[in-house]
C-alpha atoms as a PDB file:
ATOM      1  CA  MET A   1     -20.961  51.953  -0.939  1.00  0.00           C
ATOM      2  CA  LEU A   2     -19.069  49.422  -3.035  1.00  0.00           C
ATOM      3  CA  SER A   3     -19.163  46.781  -0.584  1.00  0.00           C
ATOM      4  CA  PHE A   4     -22.912  47.352  -0.075  1.00  0.00           C
ATOM      5  CA  MET A   5     -23.397  46.959  -3.845  1.00  0.00           C
ATOM      6  CA  LYS A   6     -21.553  43.698  -3.947  1.00  0.00           C
ATOM      7  CA  VAL A   7     -23.778  42.291  -1.121  1.00  0.00           C
ATOM      8  CA  ARG A   8     -26.962  43.435  -2.822  1.00  0.00           C
ATOM      9  CA  VAL A   9     -25.902  42.050  -6.240  1.00  0.00           C
ATOM     10  CA  GLY A  10     -25.186  38.646  -4.635  1.00  0.00           C
ATOM     11  CA  VAL A  11     -28.572  38.301  -2.887  1.00  0.00           C
ATOM     12  CA  GLY A  12     -30.324  39.488  -6.146  1.00  0.00           C
ATOM     13  CA  ILE A  13     -28.621  36.762  -8.192  1.00  0.00           C
ATOM     14  CA  ALA A  14     -29.555  34.062  -5.586  1.00  0.00           C
ATOM     15  CA  LEU A  15     -33.220  35.145  -5.713  1.00  0.00           C
ATOM     16  CA  LEU A  16     -33.259  35.052  -9.513  1.00  0.00           C
ATOM     17  CA  LEU A  17     -31.627  31.647  -9.479  1.00  0.00           C
ATOM     18  CA  ALA A  18     -34.249  30.398  -7.193  1.00  0.00           C
ATOM     19  CA  GLY A  19     -36.812  31.545  -9.907  1.00  0.00           C
ATOM     20  CA  LEU A  20     -34.811  29.663 -12.573  1.00  0.00           C
ATOM     21  CA  ALA A  21     -34.871  26.537 -10.437  1.00  0.00           C
ATOM     22  CA  GLY A  22     -38.647  26.712 -10.446  1.00  0.00           C
ATOM     23  CA  ALA A  23     -38.418  26.336 -14.164  1.00  0.00           C
ATOM     24  CA  GLY A  24     -36.233  23.176 -13.893  1.00  0.00           C
ATOM     25  CA  VAL A  25     -39.056  20.796 -14.836  1.00  0.00           C
ATOM     26  CA  VAL A  26     -39.550  22.492 -18.199  1.00  0.00           C
ATOM     27  CA  ILE A  27     -35.877  22.646 -18.830  1.00  0.00           C
ATOM     28  CA  ALA A  28     -35.424  19.008 -17.957  1.00  0.00           C
ATOM     29  CA  GLN A  29     -38.312  17.995 -20.217  1.00  0.00           C
ATOM     30  CA  ARG A  30     -36.615  19.848 -23.104  1.00  0.00           C
ATOM     31  CA  GLY A  31     -33.461  17.994 -22.318  1.00  0.00           C
ATOM     32  CA  ARG A  32     -35.045  14.676 -22.827  1.00  0.00           C
ATOM     33  CA  PHE A  33     -36.061  15.635 -26.447  1.00  0.00           C
ATOM     34  CA  GLY A  34     -32.476  16.697 -27.040  1.00  0.00           C
ATOM     35  CA  ALA A  35     -31.278  13.237 -26.018  1.00  0.00           C
ATOM     36  CA  LEU A  36     -33.677  11.640 -28.354  1.00  0.00           C
ATOM     37  CA  ASP A  37     -32.599  13.856 -31.263  1.00  0.00           C
ATOM     38  CA  SER A  38     -28.902  12.886 -30.456  1.00  0.00           C
ATOM     39  CA  ALA A  39     -29.793   9.152 -30.560  1.00  0.00           C
ATOM     40  CA  LEU A  40     -31.280   9.751 -33.961  1.00  0.00           C
ATOM     41  CA  GLY A  41     -28.125  11.465 -35.150  1.00  0.00           C
ATOM     42  CA  ARG A  42     -29.564  14.945 -35.412  1.00  0.00           C
ATOM     43  CA  VAL A  43     -27.566  18.147 -34.880  1.00  0.00           C
ATOM     44  CA  PRO A  44     -29.306  20.707 -32.738  1.00  0.00           C
ATOM     45  CA  THR A  45     -31.044  23.314 -34.835  1.00  0.00           C
ATOM     46  CA  ALA A  46     -31.879  26.877 -34.167  1.00  0.00           C
ATOM     47  CA  THR A  47     -33.867  29.733 -35.770  1.00  0.00           C
ATOM     48  CA  ASN A  48     -31.599  32.729 -35.707  1.00  0.00           C
ATOM     49  CA  ILE A  49     -32.845  36.149 -34.809  1.00  0.00           C
ATOM     50  CA  PRO A  50     -32.631  38.632 -37.516  1.00  0.00           C
ATOM     51  CA  TYR A  51     -30.085  41.441 -36.725  1.00  0.00           C
ATOM     52  CA  ASP A  52     -31.807  44.591 -35.447  1.00  0.00           C
ATOM     53  CA  GLY A  53     -29.020  46.331 -33.565  1.00  0.00           C
ATOM     54  CA  ARG A  54     -29.893  44.879 -30.136  1.00  0.00           C
ATOM     55  CA  PHE A  55     -27.444  42.501 -28.364  1.00  0.00           C
ATOM     56  CA  ALA A  56     -27.814  38.906 -29.216  1.00  0.00           C
ATOM     57  CA  PHE A  57     -25.799  35.946 -27.864  1.00  0.00           C
ATOM     58  CA  VAL A  58     -24.004  34.222 -30.748  1.00  0.00           C
ATOM     59  CA  ARG A  59     -22.673  30.710 -30.329  1.00  0.00           C
ATOM     60  CA  LEU A  60     -20.178  29.616 -32.932  1.00  0.00           C
ATOM     61  CA  THR A  61     -20.638  26.285 -34.764  1.00  0.00           C
ATOM     62  CA  TYR A  62     -17.831  24.300 -36.203  1.00  0.00           C
ATOM     63  CA  GLU A  63     -16.908  20.880 -37.523  1.00  0.00           C
ATOM     64  CA  THR A  64     -16.306  18.576 -34.617  1.00  0.00           C
ATOM     65  CA  LEU A  65     -13.248  16.322 -34.599  1.00  0.00           C
ATOM     66  CA  PRO A  66     -13.753  12.587 -34.096  1.00  0.00           C
ATOM     67  CA  GLY A  67     -14.278  11.755 -30.426  1.00  0.00           C
ATOM     68  CA  GLY A  68     -15.954  15.044 -29.721  1.00  0.00           C
ATOM     69  CA  TYR A  69     -19.489  13.689 -29.912  1.00  0.00           C
ATOM     70  CA  TRP A  70     -19.553  12.096 -26.375  1.00  0.00           C
ATOM     71  CA  TYR A  71     -22.099  14.427 -24.678  1.00  0.00           C
ATOM     72  CA  ARG A  72     -25.480  12.904 -25.759  1.00  0.00           C
ATOM     73  CA  GLY A  73     -23.859  12.262 -29.074  1.00  0.00           C
ATOM     74  CA  GLN A  74     -23.995  15.881 -29.960  1.00  0.00           C
ATOM     75  CA  PRO A  75     -21.217  17.930 -31.679  1.00  0.00           C
ATOM     76  CA  ALA A  76     -18.933  19.607 -29.224  1.00  0.00           C
ATOM     77  CA  TRP A  77     -19.910  23.158 -30.212  1.00  0.00           C
ATOM     78  CA  SER A  78     -23.517  22.547 -28.924  1.00  0.00           C
ATOM     79  CA  HIS A  79     -22.974  21.221 -25.500  1.00  0.00           C
ATOM     80  CA  GLY A  80     -25.348  23.041 -23.155  1.00  0.00           C
ATOM     81  CA  TYR A  81     -27.233  24.639 -26.004  1.00  0.00           C
ATOM     82  CA  PRO A  82     -29.524  26.508 -25.599  1.00  0.00           C
ATOM     83  CA  THR A  83     -30.243  26.498 -21.916  1.00  0.00           C
ATOM     84  CA  SER A  84     -26.855  27.834 -20.859  1.00  0.00           C
ATOM     85  CA  GLU A  85     -27.097  31.095 -22.654  1.00  0.00           C
ATOM     86  CA  GLN A  86     -30.735  31.534 -22.146  1.00  0.00           C
ATOM     87  CA  ASN A  87     -30.227  31.461 -18.370  1.00  0.00           C
ATOM     88  CA  LEU A  88     -27.311  33.887 -18.680  1.00  0.00           C
ATOM     89  CA  MET A  89     -29.330  36.316 -20.777  1.00  0.00           C
ATOM     90  CA  LYS A  90     -32.000  36.415 -18.076  1.00  0.00           C
ATOM     91  CA  ILE A  91     -29.283  37.423 -15.589  1.00  0.00           C
ATOM     92  CA  LEU A  92     -27.786  40.034 -17.951  1.00  0.00           C
ATOM     93  CA  GLU A  93     -31.129  41.687 -18.519  1.00  0.00           C
ATOM     94  CA  SER A  94     -32.115  41.610 -14.857  1.00  0.00           C
ATOM     95  CA  PHE A  95     -28.882  43.345 -13.602  1.00  0.00           C
ATOM     96  CA  THR A  96     -27.614  45.555 -16.384  1.00  0.00           C
ATOM     97  CA  THR A  97     -29.043  47.989 -19.000  1.00  0.00           C
ATOM     98  CA  VAL A  98     -28.237  45.757 -21.849  1.00  0.00           C
ATOM     99  CA  SER A  99     -31.357  45.038 -23.718  1.00  0.00           C
ATOM    100  CA  GLY A 100     -31.028  41.875 -25.683  1.00  0.00           C
ATOM    101  CA  HIS A 101     -32.838  38.987 -27.262  1.00  0.00           C
ATOM    102  CA  GLN A 102     -33.819  35.978 -25.127  1.00  0.00           C
ATOM    103  CA  GLY A 103     -33.253  33.755 -28.097  1.00  0.00           C
ATOM    104  CA  THR A 104     -29.733  33.067 -29.229  1.00  0.00           C
ATOM    105  CA  ASN A 105     -28.038  32.682 -32.538  1.00  0.00           C
ATOM    106  CA  THR A 106     -25.743  29.948 -33.847  1.00  0.00           C
ATOM    107  CA  LEU A 107     -23.279  30.915 -36.618  1.00  0.00           C
ATOM    108  CA  SER A 108     -20.319  29.543 -38.366  1.00  0.00           C
ATOM    109  CA  LEU A 109     -17.153  31.601 -38.572  1.00  0.00           C
ATOM    110  CA  GLU A 110     -17.484  31.162 -42.334  1.00  0.00           C
ATOM    111  CA  ASP A 111     -20.732  33.141 -42.222  1.00  0.00           C
ATOM    112  CA  PRO A 112     -20.102  36.909 -42.851  1.00  0.00           C
ATOM    113  CA  GLU A 113     -23.012  37.595 -40.522  1.00  0.00           C
ATOM    114  CA  ILE A 114     -20.537  37.280 -37.641  1.00  0.00           C
ATOM    115  CA  PHE A 115     -19.315  40.728 -38.371  1.00  0.00           C
ATOM    116  CA  SER A 116     -22.735  42.168 -37.257  1.00  0.00           C
ATOM    117  CA  TYR A 117     -22.037  41.246 -33.640  1.00  0.00           C
ATOM    118  CA  PRO A 118     -19.388  42.365 -31.203  1.00  0.00           C
ATOM    119  CA  VAL A 119     -19.161  39.247 -28.958  1.00  0.00           C
ATOM    120  CA  LEU A 120     -18.876  35.607 -30.055  1.00  0.00           C
ATOM    121  CA  TYR A 121     -18.978  32.540 -27.747  1.00  0.00           C
ATOM    122  CA  LEU A 122     -17.009  29.386 -28.603  1.00  0.00           C
ATOM    123  CA  ILE A 123     -16.858  26.283 -26.569  1.00  0.00           C
ATOM    124  CA  GLU A 124     -15.029  22.805 -26.462  1.00  0.00           C
ATOM    125  CA  VAL A 125     -12.199  24.034 -28.656  1.00  0.00           C
ATOM    126  CA  SER A 126     -10.222  20.847 -27.975  1.00  0.00           C
ATOM    127  CA  TRP A 127     -12.565  19.345 -30.653  1.00  0.00           C
ATOM    128  CA  TRP A 128     -12.524  22.255 -33.121  1.00  0.00           C
ATOM    129  CA  GLN A 129     -11.498  21.445 -36.644  1.00  0.00           C
ATOM    130  CA  MET A 130     -10.825  24.857 -38.103  1.00  0.00           C
ATOM    131  CA  THR A 131     -11.186  25.570 -41.743  1.00  0.00           C
ATOM    132  CA  ASP A 132      -9.089  28.065 -43.656  1.00  0.00           C
ATOM    133  CA  VAL A 133     -12.158  30.399 -44.090  1.00  0.00           C
ATOM    134  CA  GLU A 134     -12.815  30.287 -40.377  1.00  0.00           C
ATOM    135  CA  GLY A 135      -9.328  31.184 -39.610  1.00  0.00           C
ATOM    136  CA  ARG A 136      -9.336  34.183 -41.972  1.00  0.00           C
ATOM    137  CA  ASN A 137     -12.591  35.414 -40.645  1.00  0.00           C
ATOM    138  CA  LEU A 138     -11.747  34.954 -37.043  1.00  0.00           C
ATOM    139  CA  ARG A 139      -8.490  37.140 -37.707  1.00  0.00           C
ATOM    140  CA  ALA A 140     -10.456  39.811 -39.412  1.00  0.00           C
ATOM    141  CA  PHE A 141     -13.209  39.722 -36.602  1.00  0.00           C
ATOM    142  CA  LEU A 142     -10.534  40.227 -33.937  1.00  0.00           C
ATOM    143  CA  ASP A 143      -8.754  42.955 -35.983  1.00  0.00           C
ATOM    144  CA  LYS A 144     -11.987  44.878 -36.445  1.00  0.00           C
ATOM    145  CA  GLY A 145     -12.526  45.067 -32.639  1.00  0.00           C
ATOM    146  CA  GLY A 146     -14.500  41.861 -31.991  1.00  0.00           C
ATOM    147  CA  PHE A 147     -14.364  39.944 -28.648  1.00  0.00           C
ATOM    148  CA  VAL A 148     -14.441  36.076 -28.302  1.00  0.00           C
ATOM    149  CA  ILE A 149     -15.274  34.226 -25.164  1.00  0.00           C
ATOM    150  CA  VAL A 150     -13.806  30.702 -25.070  1.00  0.00           C
ATOM    151  CA  ASP A 151     -15.359  28.401 -22.466  1.00  0.00           C
ATOM    152  CA  ASP A 152     -16.021  24.796 -21.634  1.00  0.00           C
ATOM    153  CA  PHE A 153     -12.365  24.014 -22.438  1.00  0.00           C
ATOM    154  CA  LYS A 154     -10.861  20.816 -20.966  1.00  0.00           C
ATOM    155  CA  THR A 155      -7.335  19.669 -20.727  1.00  0.00           C
ATOM    156  CA  ALA A 156      -5.684  16.875 -22.815  1.00  0.00           C
ATOM    157  CA  GLU A 157      -6.690  14.279 -20.269  1.00  0.00           C
ATOM    158  CA  TRP A 158     -10.449  14.686 -21.113  1.00  0.00           C
ATOM    159  CA  ARG A 159     -11.834  11.928 -23.198  1.00  0.00           C
ATOM    160  CA  GLY A 160      -8.857  11.700 -25.455  1.00  0.00           C
ATOM    161  CA  GLY A 161      -8.996  15.334 -26.730  1.00  0.00           C
ATOM    162  CA  ARG A 162      -5.804  17.263 -27.386  1.00  0.00           C
ATOM    163  CA  GLY A 163      -6.656  19.919 -24.991  1.00  0.00           C
ATOM    164  CA  TRP A 164      -4.777  23.236 -25.262  1.00  0.00           C
ATOM    165  CA  ASP A 165      -2.600  21.884 -28.175  1.00  0.00           C
ATOM    166  CA  GLN A 166      -5.533  21.678 -30.594  1.00  0.00           C
ATOM    167  CA  PHE A 167      -6.487  25.227 -29.775  1.00  0.00           C
ATOM    168  CA  ALA A 168      -2.944  26.484 -29.942  1.00  0.00           C
ATOM    169  CA  ASP A 169      -2.635  24.889 -33.434  1.00  0.00           C
ATOM    170  CA  ASN A 170      -5.736  26.578 -34.705  1.00  0.00           C
ATOM    171  CA  MET A 171      -4.727  30.037 -33.235  1.00  0.00           C
ATOM    172  CA  GLN A 172      -1.229  29.678 -34.791  1.00  0.00           C
ATOM    173  CA  ARG A 173      -3.084  29.729 -38.154  1.00  0.00           C
ATOM    174  CA  VAL A 174      -5.239  32.720 -37.120  1.00  0.00           C
ATOM    175  CA  MET A 175      -2.566  34.782 -35.385  1.00  0.00           C
ATOM    176  CA  PRO A 176       0.947  33.401 -35.669  1.00  0.00           C
ATOM    177  CA  GLN A 177       2.478  35.989 -33.441  1.00  0.00           C
ATOM    178  CA  GLY A 178      -0.314  35.897 -30.879  1.00  0.00           C
ATOM    179  CA  LYS A 179       0.501  34.941 -27.210  1.00  0.00           C
ATOM    180  CA  PHE A 180      -2.015  33.930 -24.565  1.00  0.00           C
ATOM    181  CA  ILE A 181      -1.191  35.599 -21.201  1.00  0.00           C
ATOM    182  CA  ASP A 182      -2.304  34.107 -17.875  1.00  0.00           C
ATOM    183  CA  LEU A 183      -4.727  36.516 -16.070  1.00  0.00           C
ATOM    184  CA  ASP A 184      -4.970  37.270 -12.392  1.00  0.00           C
ATOM    185  CA  ILE A 185      -7.782  38.954 -10.376  1.00  0.00           C
ATOM    186  CA  SER A 186      -6.280  42.425 -11.052  1.00  0.00           C
ATOM    187  CA  HIS A 187      -7.448  42.368 -14.590  1.00  0.00           C
ATOM    188  CA  PRO A 188     -10.518  44.608 -15.221  1.00  0.00           C
ATOM    189  CA  ILE A 189     -12.650  41.802 -16.711  1.00  0.00           C
ATOM    190  CA  PHE A 190     -12.984  40.476 -13.140  1.00  0.00           C
ATOM    191  CA  SER A 191     -14.402  43.688 -11.854  1.00  0.00           C
ATOM    192  CA  GLN A 192     -16.127  44.934 -15.121  1.00  0.00           C
ATOM    193  CA  PHE A 193     -19.599  44.890 -13.606  1.00  0.00           C
ATOM    194  CA  PHE A 194     -19.583  42.457 -10.713  1.00  0.00           C
ATOM    195  CA  ALA A 195     -16.640  42.239  -8.318  1.00  0.00           C
ATOM    196  CA  ILE A 196     -15.104  38.803  -8.415  1.00  0.00           C
ATOM    197  CA  GLU A 197     -12.842  38.510  -5.355  1.00  0.00           C
ATOM    198  CA  SER A 198     -10.877  35.352  -5.966  1.00  0.00           C
ATOM    199  CA  LEU A 199     -10.047  33.014  -8.828  1.00  0.00           C
ATOM    200  CA  ASP A 200      -8.863  30.371  -6.507  1.00  0.00           C
ATOM    201  CA  ILE A 201     -12.386  29.549  -5.372  1.00  0.00           C
ATOM    202  CA  PHE A 202     -13.907  29.619  -8.796  1.00  0.00           C
ATOM    203  CA  PRO A 203     -16.334  26.845  -9.344  1.00  0.00           C
ATOM    204  CA  GLN A 204     -15.224  23.527 -10.878  1.00  0.00           C
ATOM    205  CA  ALA A 205     -17.991  21.040 -11.790  1.00  0.00           C
ATOM    206  CA  TYR A 206     -15.893  17.911 -12.638  1.00  0.00           C
ATOM    207  CA  ASN A 207     -12.363  19.003 -13.775  1.00  0.00           C
ATOM    208  CA  ALA A 208      -9.347  18.436 -11.567  1.00  0.00           C
ATOM    209  CA  GLY A 209      -7.058  21.291 -10.544  1.00  0.00           C
ATOM    210  CA  ARG A 210      -7.727  25.028 -10.663  1.00  0.00           C
ATOM    211  CA  PRO A 211      -9.251  26.920 -13.609  1.00  0.00           C
ATOM    212  CA  ILE A 212      -6.790  29.009 -15.731  1.00  0.00           C
ATOM    213  CA  PHE A 213      -7.894  32.247 -17.296  1.00  0.00           C
ATOM    214  CA  ARG A 214      -5.970  33.507 -20.152  1.00  0.00           C
ATOM    215  CA  GLY A 215      -6.220  36.445 -22.627  1.00  0.00           C
ATOM    216  CA  LEU A 216      -5.150  37.413 -26.060  1.00  0.00           C
ATOM    217  CA  PHE A 217      -4.291  41.070 -26.361  1.00  0.00           C
ATOM    218  CA  GLU A 218      -3.775  43.512 -29.113  1.00  0.00           C
ATOM    219  CA  GLY A 219      -0.090  43.463 -29.916  1.00  0.00           C
ATOM    220  CA  ASN A 220       0.382  41.011 -27.048  1.00  0.00           C
ATOM    221  CA  ASP A 221       0.250  43.959 -24.637  1.00  0.00           C
ATOM    222  CA  PRO A 222      -1.953  43.256 -21.556  1.00  0.00           C
ATOM    223  CA  SER A 223      -2.435  46.969 -21.124  1.00  0.00           C
ATOM    224  CA  LYS A 224      -4.316  47.132 -24.445  1.00  0.00           C
ATOM    225  CA  ARG A 225      -7.658  45.608 -25.386  1.00  0.00           C
ATOM    226  CA  MET A 226      -8.179  41.928 -24.677  1.00  0.00           C
ATOM    227  CA  GLN A 227      -9.433  40.208 -27.902  1.00  0.00           C
ATOM    228  CA  MET A 228     -10.075  36.684 -26.604  1.00  0.00           C
ATOM    229  CA  PHE A 229     -10.952  35.560 -23.096  1.00  0.00           C
ATOM    230  CA  VAL A 230     -10.249  31.923 -22.355  1.00  0.00           C
ATOM    231  CA  ASN A 231     -11.679  29.851 -19.450  1.00  0.00           C
ATOM    232  CA  TYR A 232      -9.354  26.893 -19.521  1.00  0.00           C
ATOM    233  CA  ASN A 233      -9.684  23.664 -17.561  1.00  0.00           C
ATOM    234  CA  THR A 234     -13.172  24.545 -16.413  1.00  0.00           C
ATOM    235  CA  ASP A 235     -16.716  24.810 -17.858  1.00  0.00           C
ATOM    236  CA  ILE A 236     -18.368  28.024 -16.652  1.00  0.00           C
ATOM    237  CA  SER A 237     -21.435  27.504 -18.908  1.00  0.00           C
ATOM    238  CA  GLN A 238     -22.386  24.341 -17.096  1.00  0.00           C
ATOM    239  CA  PHE A 239     -23.289  26.294 -13.971  1.00  0.00           C
ATOM    240  CA  TRP A 240     -25.449  28.464 -16.235  1.00  0.00           C
ATOM    241  CA  GLU A 241     -27.085  25.430 -17.783  1.00  0.00           C
ATOM    242  CA  TRP A 242     -27.574  23.678 -14.372  1.00  0.00           C
ATOM    243  CA  SER A 243     -28.865  26.741 -12.505  1.00  0.00           C
ATOM    244  CA  GLY A 244     -32.416  25.852 -13.253  1.00  0.00           C
ATOM    245  CA  ARG A 245     -32.068  22.223 -12.108  1.00  0.00           C
ATOM    246  CA  GLY A 246     -30.622  22.606  -8.577  1.00  0.00           C
ATOM    247  CA  LEU A 247     -27.611  20.462  -9.393  1.00  0.00           C
ATOM    248  CA  ARG A 248     -24.999  22.845  -8.138  1.00  0.00           C
ATOM    249  CA  PRO A 249     -24.866  25.170  -5.105  1.00  0.00           C
ATOM    250  CA  ILE A 250     -26.387  28.673  -5.646  1.00  0.00           C
ATOM    251  CA  GLU A 251     -23.259  30.428  -4.366  1.00  0.00           C
ATOM    252  CA  GLN A 252     -21.103  28.726  -7.127  1.00  0.00           C
ATOM    253  CA  SER A 253     -23.661  29.398  -9.785  1.00  0.00           C
ATOM    254  CA  ASN A 254     -23.670  33.104  -8.725  1.00  0.00           C
ATOM    255  CA  GLU A 255     -19.935  33.318  -9.364  1.00  0.00           C
ATOM    256  CA  ALA A 256     -20.369  31.640 -12.887  1.00  0.00           C
ATOM    257  CA  PHE A 257     -23.109  34.184 -13.789  1.00  0.00           C
ATOM    258  CA  LYS A 258     -21.057  37.047 -12.636  1.00  0.00           C
ATOM    259  CA  LEU A 259     -18.130  36.056 -14.756  1.00  0.00           C
ATOM    260  CA  GLY A 260     -20.429  35.476 -17.829  1.00  0.00           C
ATOM    261  CA  VAL A 261     -21.911  39.048 -17.324  1.00  0.00           C
ATOM    262  CA  ASN A 262     -18.560  40.646 -16.830  1.00  0.00           C
ATOM    263  CA  ALA A 263     -17.124  38.980 -20.055  1.00  0.00           C
ATOM    264  CA  ILE A 264     -20.083  40.231 -22.171  1.00  0.00           C
ATOM    265  CA  ILE A 265     -19.884  43.758 -20.700  1.00  0.00           C
ATOM    266  CA  TYR A 266     -16.128  43.873 -21.286  1.00  0.00           C
ATOM    267  CA  GLY A 267     -16.707  42.687 -24.946  1.00  0.00           C
ATOM    268  CA  LEU A 268     -19.382  45.405 -25.450  1.00  0.00           C
ATOM    269  CA  THR A 269     -17.324  48.316 -23.937  1.00  0.00           C
ATOM    270  CA  HIS A 270     -13.858  47.637 -25.286  1.00  0.00           C
END
């Protein structure tokens, strides 16, 4: 029964991705306006959804360090916004019982509204200039049971960023005793909803080397709740973003969507 379910799930995602590809023209058109906004020096804007108890995807904003505006001139936190999460939410609603909003929110860690949501999404942390208030609120969010997904995280060789060191310095201020532990396929997050069978074949769009998945756990104990899930040396969200454009193989996009759904379900249930 389990193996049958895996096959059915894979086929279903492939069919839904084909539907997303059909919307590629609309998505691409919106992307051109985004490039124009960037050329004019505009930061992407969003109208947040008022909290009503339903799940909403929350992308964190932050002050971007110099050098982090390379993608269309936009701040690092906004890369892929909002197409990546919109496509992921379509998959989440199609295959799970999570009833959420199709729109997505952007919030600063300085905003107390973050405590209304169980899962936060943070990208390009090599360029994250963390404030003291952000650090205090992030620590409080994690201590209260919140879950953070860190994605689109390059190594130090990428466009002059500091890679892991910048993130580690920030987290030293948030949780001085915290230790990030390398994960393998046996961790429950990789079978939380979809069964991911190997991390060695996980998709890489343009990064050299294999992706590294790390977790921060309560009390630094891997048997306890994971507080942060880090996708290092990879960009899983790019497969969500590109799935409507036909730029990557459907099989690879399947795996990226599975991981995204698994991470959200883990955050909602732990």
